[in-house]
Amino acid sequence: MGSPLASNAQTLALSEMVEVASALTEAYEHVISNTYGDSRSRILVFVADLVLRRKPYLVVSREGFLELSSYVFGNEDHRDFLFTLYYAFGSRWGMSAQRYAMLAANLAYSACPVTGGAEVNGAPSVIAQRLASATETQELIEANPWLAIVLLLQTFIRVSPLKSN
């Protein structure tokens, strides 16, 4: 278990995160509105699965990230949706390398509920060992912008519960 982000890590202010939420919501509605037929149905189920069934702190763990990567890249609709949403979001938000790094820092710190060593974090070691540190998570998000979109969907998009099969 690593330490949290350095205290000097630059993150977005609350007002900037409100802008992120607005840009993501607009981009999501735009992309969904311009998707049709079976693809749209599959995307809505995919988003519901991401939001309702997957936990942010687990999707950024080593095991969770590998499983999520297979889920995303194993299906053309999933991949295309996330990549298109990344473009639509970035265009609306005014994405730059610096702003993206700050967003990655916000998401990374938020997705890591256990920090510090076992002597101070209170989590059983079997759980703490499975979770990524905020620093590892930030590196993962910076290298995989589609993962930022997954985390933003989990944070800002409301979905209807999935029907049981």
C-alpha atoms as a PDB file:
ATOM      1  CA  MET A   1       0.000   0.000   0.000  1.00  0.00           C
ATOM      2  CA  GLY A   2       1.507   3.295  -1.037  1.00  0.00           C
ATOM      3  CA  SER A   3       0.957   6.739   0.325  1.00  0.00           C
ATOM      4  CA  PRO A   4      -1.652   9.200  -0.887  1.00  0.00           C
ATOM      5  CA  LEU A   5      -0.823  11.774  -3.499  1.00  0.00           C
ATOM      6  CA  ALA A   6       1.865  14.216  -2.544  1.00  0.00           C
ATOM      7  CA  SER A   7       0.432  17.168  -0.650  1.00  0.00           C
ATOM      8  CA  ASN A   8       1.598  19.442  -3.459  1.00  0.00           C
ATOM      9  CA  ALA A   9      -0.289  17.511  -6.163  1.00  0.00           C
ATOM     10  CA  GLN A  10      -2.428  19.923  -8.134  1.00  0.00           C
ATOM     11  CA  THR A  11      -6.097  19.047  -8.281  1.00  0.00           C
ATOM     12  CA  LEU A  12      -9.189  20.763  -9.616  1.00  0.00           C
ATOM     13  CA  ALA A  13     -11.180  23.092  -7.399  1.00  0.00           C
ATOM     14  CA  LEU A  14     -14.806  22.346  -6.553  1.00  0.00           C
ATOM     15  CA  SER A  15     -16.038  24.865  -9.140  1.00  0.00           C
ATOM     16  CA  GLU A  16     -13.924  23.121 -11.773  1.00  0.00           C
ATOM     17  CA  MET A  17     -15.388  19.745 -10.824  1.00  0.00           C
ATOM     18  CA  VAL A  18     -18.849  21.263 -11.304  1.00  0.00           C
ATOM     19  CA  GLU A  19     -17.704  22.177 -14.832  1.00  0.00           C
ATOM     20  CA  VAL A  20     -16.480  18.587 -15.303  1.00  0.00           C
ATOM     21  CA  ALA A  21     -19.881  17.244 -14.223  1.00  0.00           C
ATOM     22  CA  SER A  22     -21.698  19.566 -16.601  1.00  0.00           C
ATOM     23  CA  ALA A  23     -19.409  18.813 -19.539  1.00  0.00           C
ATOM     24  CA  LEU A  24     -19.615  15.068 -18.923  1.00  0.00           C
ATOM     25  CA  THR A  25     -23.398  15.088 -18.607  1.00  0.00           C
ATOM     26  CA  GLU A  26     -23.784  17.086 -21.819  1.00  0.00           C
ATOM     27  CA  ALA A  27     -21.306  14.865 -23.646  1.00  0.00           C
ATOM     28  CA  TYR A  28     -23.009  11.695 -22.369  1.00  0.00           C
ATOM     29  CA  GLU A  29     -26.424  12.899 -23.524  1.00  0.00           C
ATOM     30  CA  HIS A  30     -24.973  13.874 -26.907  1.00  0.00           C
ATOM     31  CA  VAL A  31     -23.261  10.525 -27.484  1.00  0.00           C
ATOM     32  CA  ILE A  32     -26.269   8.481 -26.308  1.00  0.00           C
ATOM     33  CA  SER A  33     -28.630  10.595 -28.447  1.00  0.00           C
ATOM     34  CA  ASN A  34     -26.488   9.901 -31.502  1.00  0.00           C
ATOM     35  CA  THR A  35     -26.338   6.154 -30.929  1.00  0.00           C
ATOM     36  CA  TYR A  36     -29.199   4.043 -32.242  1.00  0.00           C
ATOM     37  CA  GLY A  37     -30.616   0.562 -32.524  1.00  0.00           C
ATOM     38  CA  ASP A  38     -29.010  -2.417 -30.881  1.00  0.00           C
ATOM     39  CA  SER A  39     -25.816  -0.471 -30.209  1.00  0.00           C
ATOM     40  CA  ARG A  40     -27.724   2.036 -28.083  1.00  0.00           C
ATOM     41  CA  SER A  41     -29.346  -0.725 -26.043  1.00  0.00           C
ATOM     42  CA  ARG A  42     -25.979  -2.415 -25.484  1.00  0.00           C
ATOM     43  CA  ILE A  43     -24.385   0.894 -24.456  1.00  0.00           C
ATOM     44  CA  LEU A  44     -27.135   1.648 -21.935  1.00  0.00           C
ATOM     45  CA  VAL A  45     -26.653  -1.801 -20.372  1.00  0.00           C
ATOM     46  CA  PHE A  46     -22.880  -1.266 -20.396  1.00  0.00           C
ATOM     47  CA  VAL A  47     -23.177   2.089 -18.618  1.00  0.00           C
ATOM     48  CA  ALA A  48     -25.615   0.650 -16.081  1.00  0.00           C
ATOM     49  CA  ASP A  49     -23.144  -2.151 -15.401  1.00  0.00           C
ATOM     50  CA  LEU A  50     -20.273   0.318 -14.926  1.00  0.00           C
ATOM     51  CA  VAL A  51     -22.269   2.541 -12.596  1.00  0.00           C
ATOM     52  CA  LEU A  52     -24.232  -0.004 -10.598  1.00  0.00           C
ATOM     53  CA  ARG A  53     -22.043  -3.091 -10.410  1.00  0.00           C
ATOM     54  CA  ARG A  54     -18.431  -1.931 -10.503  1.00  0.00           C
ATOM     55  CA  LYS A  55     -16.751  -0.183  -7.607  1.00  0.00           C
ATOM     56  CA  PRO A  56     -14.347   2.696  -8.371  1.00  0.00           C
ATOM     57  CA  TYR A  57     -11.768   1.515  -5.821  1.00  0.00           C
ATOM     58  CA  LEU A  58     -11.742  -1.930  -7.432  1.00  0.00           C
ATOM     59  CA  VAL A  59     -11.603  -0.867 -11.097  1.00  0.00           C
ATOM     60  CA  VAL A  60      -8.335   0.946 -10.342  1.00  0.00           C
ATOM     61  CA  SER A  61      -6.804  -2.057  -8.579  1.00  0.00           C
ATOM     62  CA  ARG A  62      -4.446  -4.224 -10.635  1.00  0.00           C
ATOM     63  CA  GLU A  63      -6.923  -7.102 -10.916  1.00  0.00           C
ATOM     64  CA  GLY A  64      -9.927  -4.849 -11.456  1.00  0.00           C
ATOM     65  CA  PHE A  65      -8.202  -2.822 -14.153  1.00  0.00           C
ATOM     66  CA  LEU A  66      -7.232  -5.936 -16.127  1.00  0.00           C
ATOM     67  CA  GLU A  67     -10.784  -7.274 -15.923  1.00  0.00           C
ATOM     68  CA  LEU A  68     -12.257  -3.895 -16.907  1.00  0.00           C
ATOM     69  CA  SER A  69      -9.816  -3.580 -19.816  1.00  0.00           C
ATOM     70  CA  SER A  70     -10.980  -6.928 -21.170  1.00  0.00           C
ATOM     71  CA  TYR A  71     -14.605  -5.881 -20.754  1.00  0.00           C
ATOM     72  CA  VAL A  72     -14.052  -2.578 -22.566  1.00  0.00           C
ATOM     73  CA  PHE A  73     -11.727  -3.713 -25.355  1.00  0.00           C
ATOM     74  CA  GLY A  74     -13.477  -7.047 -25.864  1.00  0.00           C
ATOM     75  CA  ASN A  75     -16.549  -5.274 -27.207  1.00  0.00           C
ATOM     76  CA  GLU A  76     -16.451  -2.753 -30.052  1.00  0.00           C
ATOM     77  CA  ASP A  77     -19.555  -0.903 -28.809  1.00  0.00           C
ATOM     78  CA  HIS A  78     -18.039  -0.459 -25.344  1.00  0.00           C
ATOM     79  CA  ARG A  79     -14.716   0.772 -26.676  1.00  0.00           C
ATOM     80  CA  ASP A  80     -16.202   3.104 -29.269  1.00  0.00           C
ATOM     81  CA  PHE A  81     -18.627   4.559 -26.727  1.00  0.00           C
ATOM     82  CA  LEU A  82     -15.886   5.363 -24.206  1.00  0.00           C
ATOM     83  CA  PHE A  83     -13.541   6.786 -26.848  1.00  0.00           C
ATOM     84  CA  THR A  84     -16.304   8.904 -28.393  1.00  0.00           C
ATOM     85  CA  LEU A  85     -17.409  10.094 -24.962  1.00  0.00           C
ATOM     86  CA  TYR A  86     -13.804  11.012 -24.112  1.00  0.00           C
ATOM     87  CA  TYR A  87     -13.652  13.153 -27.258  1.00  0.00           C
ATOM     88  CA  ALA A  88     -17.048  14.776 -26.633  1.00  0.00           C
ATOM     89  CA  PHE A  89     -16.203  15.453 -22.982  1.00  0.00           C
ATOM     90  CA  GLY A  90     -12.716  16.782 -23.679  1.00  0.00           C
ATOM     91  CA  SER A  91     -13.985  19.083 -26.413  1.00  0.00           C
ATOM     92  CA  ARG A  92     -16.672  20.546 -24.171  1.00  0.00           C
ATOM     93  CA  TRP A  93     -14.482  20.866 -21.081  1.00  0.00           C
ATOM     94  CA  GLY A  94     -11.470  22.383 -22.819  1.00  0.00           C
ATOM     95  CA  MET A  95      -9.126  19.471 -22.189  1.00  0.00           C
ATOM     96  CA  SER A  96      -5.412  20.179 -21.928  1.00  0.00           C
ATOM     97  CA  ALA A  97      -2.552  18.076 -20.607  1.00  0.00           C
ATOM     98  CA  GLN A  98      -2.401  20.140 -17.407  1.00  0.00           C
ATOM     99  CA  ARG A  99      -6.154  20.063 -16.770  1.00  0.00           C
ATOM    100  CA  TYR A 100      -6.264  16.335 -17.487  1.00  0.00           C
ATOM    101  CA  ALA A 101      -3.432  15.674 -14.998  1.00  0.00           C
ATOM    102  CA  MET A 102      -5.329  17.654 -12.361  1.00  0.00           C
ATOM    103  CA  LEU A 103      -8.525  15.720 -13.084  1.00  0.00           C
ATOM    104  CA  ALA A 104      -6.572  12.446 -12.853  1.00  0.00           C
ATOM    105  CA  ALA A 105      -5.283  13.541  -9.427  1.00  0.00           C
ATOM    106  CA  ASN A 106      -8.840  14.273  -8.217  1.00  0.00           C
ATOM    107  CA  LEU A 107     -10.115  10.930  -9.440  1.00  0.00           C
ATOM    108  CA  ALA A 108      -7.120   9.008  -8.110  1.00  0.00           C
ATOM    109  CA  TYR A 109      -7.349  10.364  -4.605  1.00  0.00           C
ATOM    110  CA  SER A 110     -11.115   9.834  -4.548  1.00  0.00           C
ATOM    111  CA  ALA A 111     -10.860   6.232  -5.761  1.00  0.00           C
ATOM    112  CA  CYS A 112      -8.437   5.211  -2.995  1.00  0.00           C
ATOM    113  CA  PRO A 113     -10.327   4.790   0.294  1.00  0.00           C
ATOM    114  CA  VAL A 114      -7.369   3.200   2.107  1.00  0.00           C
ATOM    115  CA  THR A 115      -4.055   5.006   2.388  1.00  0.00           C
ATOM    116  CA  GLY A 116      -0.974   4.642   4.524  1.00  0.00           C
ATOM    117  CA  GLY A 117       0.475   1.513   6.018  1.00  0.00           C
ATOM    118  CA  ALA A 118      -1.434  -1.275   7.751  1.00  0.00           C
ATOM    119  CA  GLU A 119      -0.535   0.166  11.141  1.00  0.00           C
ATOM    120  CA  VAL A 120      -2.681   3.265  10.513  1.00  0.00           C
ATOM    121  CA  ASN A 121      -5.342   2.542   7.896  1.00  0.00           C
ATOM    122  CA  GLY A 122      -7.452   0.022   9.846  1.00  0.00           C
ATOM    123  CA  ALA A 123      -8.198  -2.158   6.815  1.00  0.00           C
ATOM    124  CA  PRO A 124      -7.363  -5.849   6.991  1.00  0.00           C
ATOM    125  CA  SER A 125      -4.129  -6.458   5.101  1.00  0.00           C
ATOM    126  CA  VAL A 126      -5.858  -8.881   2.695  1.00  0.00           C
ATOM    127  CA  ILE A 127      -8.046  -5.956   1.528  1.00  0.00           C
ATOM    128  CA  ALA A 128      -5.405  -3.214   1.659  1.00  0.00           C
ATOM    129  CA  GLN A 129      -2.982  -5.294  -0.438  1.00  0.00           C
ATOM    130  CA  ARG A 130      -5.534  -5.578  -3.259  1.00  0.00           C
ATOM    131  CA  LEU A 131      -6.079  -1.826  -3.504  1.00  0.00           C
ATOM    132  CA  ALA A 132      -3.907   0.567  -5.462  1.00  0.00           C
ATOM    133  CA  SER A 133      -2.311   3.653  -3.974  1.00  0.00           C
ATOM    134  CA  ALA A 134      -3.413   7.089  -5.122  1.00  0.00           C
ATOM    135  CA  THR A 135      -0.062   7.567  -6.867  1.00  0.00           C
ATOM    136  CA  GLU A 136      -0.421   4.273  -8.770  1.00  0.00           C
ATOM    137  CA  THR A 137      -4.016   5.143  -9.589  1.00  0.00           C
ATOM    138  CA  GLN A 138      -3.111   8.577 -10.925  1.00  0.00           C
ATOM    139  CA  GLU A 139      -0.471   7.030 -13.195  1.00  0.00           C
ATOM    140  CA  LEU A 140      -3.032   4.483 -14.406  1.00  0.00           C
ATOM    141  CA  ILE A 141      -5.636   7.172 -15.153  1.00  0.00           C
ATOM    142  CA  GLU A 142      -3.114   9.421 -16.901  1.00  0.00           C
ATOM    143  CA  ALA A 143      -2.045   6.525 -19.151  1.00  0.00           C
ATOM    144  CA  ASN A 144      -5.637   5.403 -19.847  1.00  0.00           C
ATOM    145  CA  PRO A 145      -7.994   8.343 -20.435  1.00  0.00           C
ATOM    146  CA  TRP A 146     -10.879   5.955 -21.094  1.00  0.00           C
ATOM    147  CA  LEU A 147     -10.553   4.916 -17.429  1.00  0.00           C
ATOM    148  CA  ALA A 148     -11.138   8.525 -16.384  1.00  0.00           C
ATOM    149  CA  ILE A 149     -14.362   8.428 -18.383  1.00  0.00           C
ATOM    150  CA  VAL A 150     -15.437   5.244 -16.573  1.00  0.00           C
ATOM    151  CA  LEU A 151     -14.769   6.895 -13.201  1.00  0.00           C
ATOM    152  CA  LEU A 152     -16.595  10.060 -14.265  1.00  0.00           C
ATOM    153  CA  LEU A 153     -19.590   8.003 -15.405  1.00  0.00           C
ATOM    154  CA  GLN A 154     -19.610   6.310 -12.003  1.00  0.00           C
ATOM    155  CA  THR A 155     -19.492   9.702 -10.311  1.00  0.00           C
ATOM    156  CA  PHE A 156     -21.931  11.814 -12.304  1.00  0.00           C
ATOM    157  CA  ILE A 157     -24.334   9.683 -14.382  1.00  0.00           C
ATOM    158  CA  ARG A 158     -27.547   8.297 -12.941  1.00  0.00           C
ATOM    159  CA  VAL A 159     -28.908   5.104 -14.419  1.00  0.00           C
ATOM    160  CA  SER A 160     -31.887   2.839 -13.916  1.00  0.00           C
ATOM    161  CA  PRO A 161     -31.259  -0.481 -12.200  1.00  0.00           C
ATOM    162  CA  LEU A 162     -30.572  -3.425 -14.471  1.00  0.00           C
ATOM    163  CA  LYS A 163     -33.285  -6.049 -14.819  1.00  0.00           C
ATOM    164  CA  SER A 164     -32.437  -9.398 -13.266  1.00  0.00           C
ATOM    165  CA  ASN A 165     -32.090 -12.249 -15.719  1.00  0.00           C
END
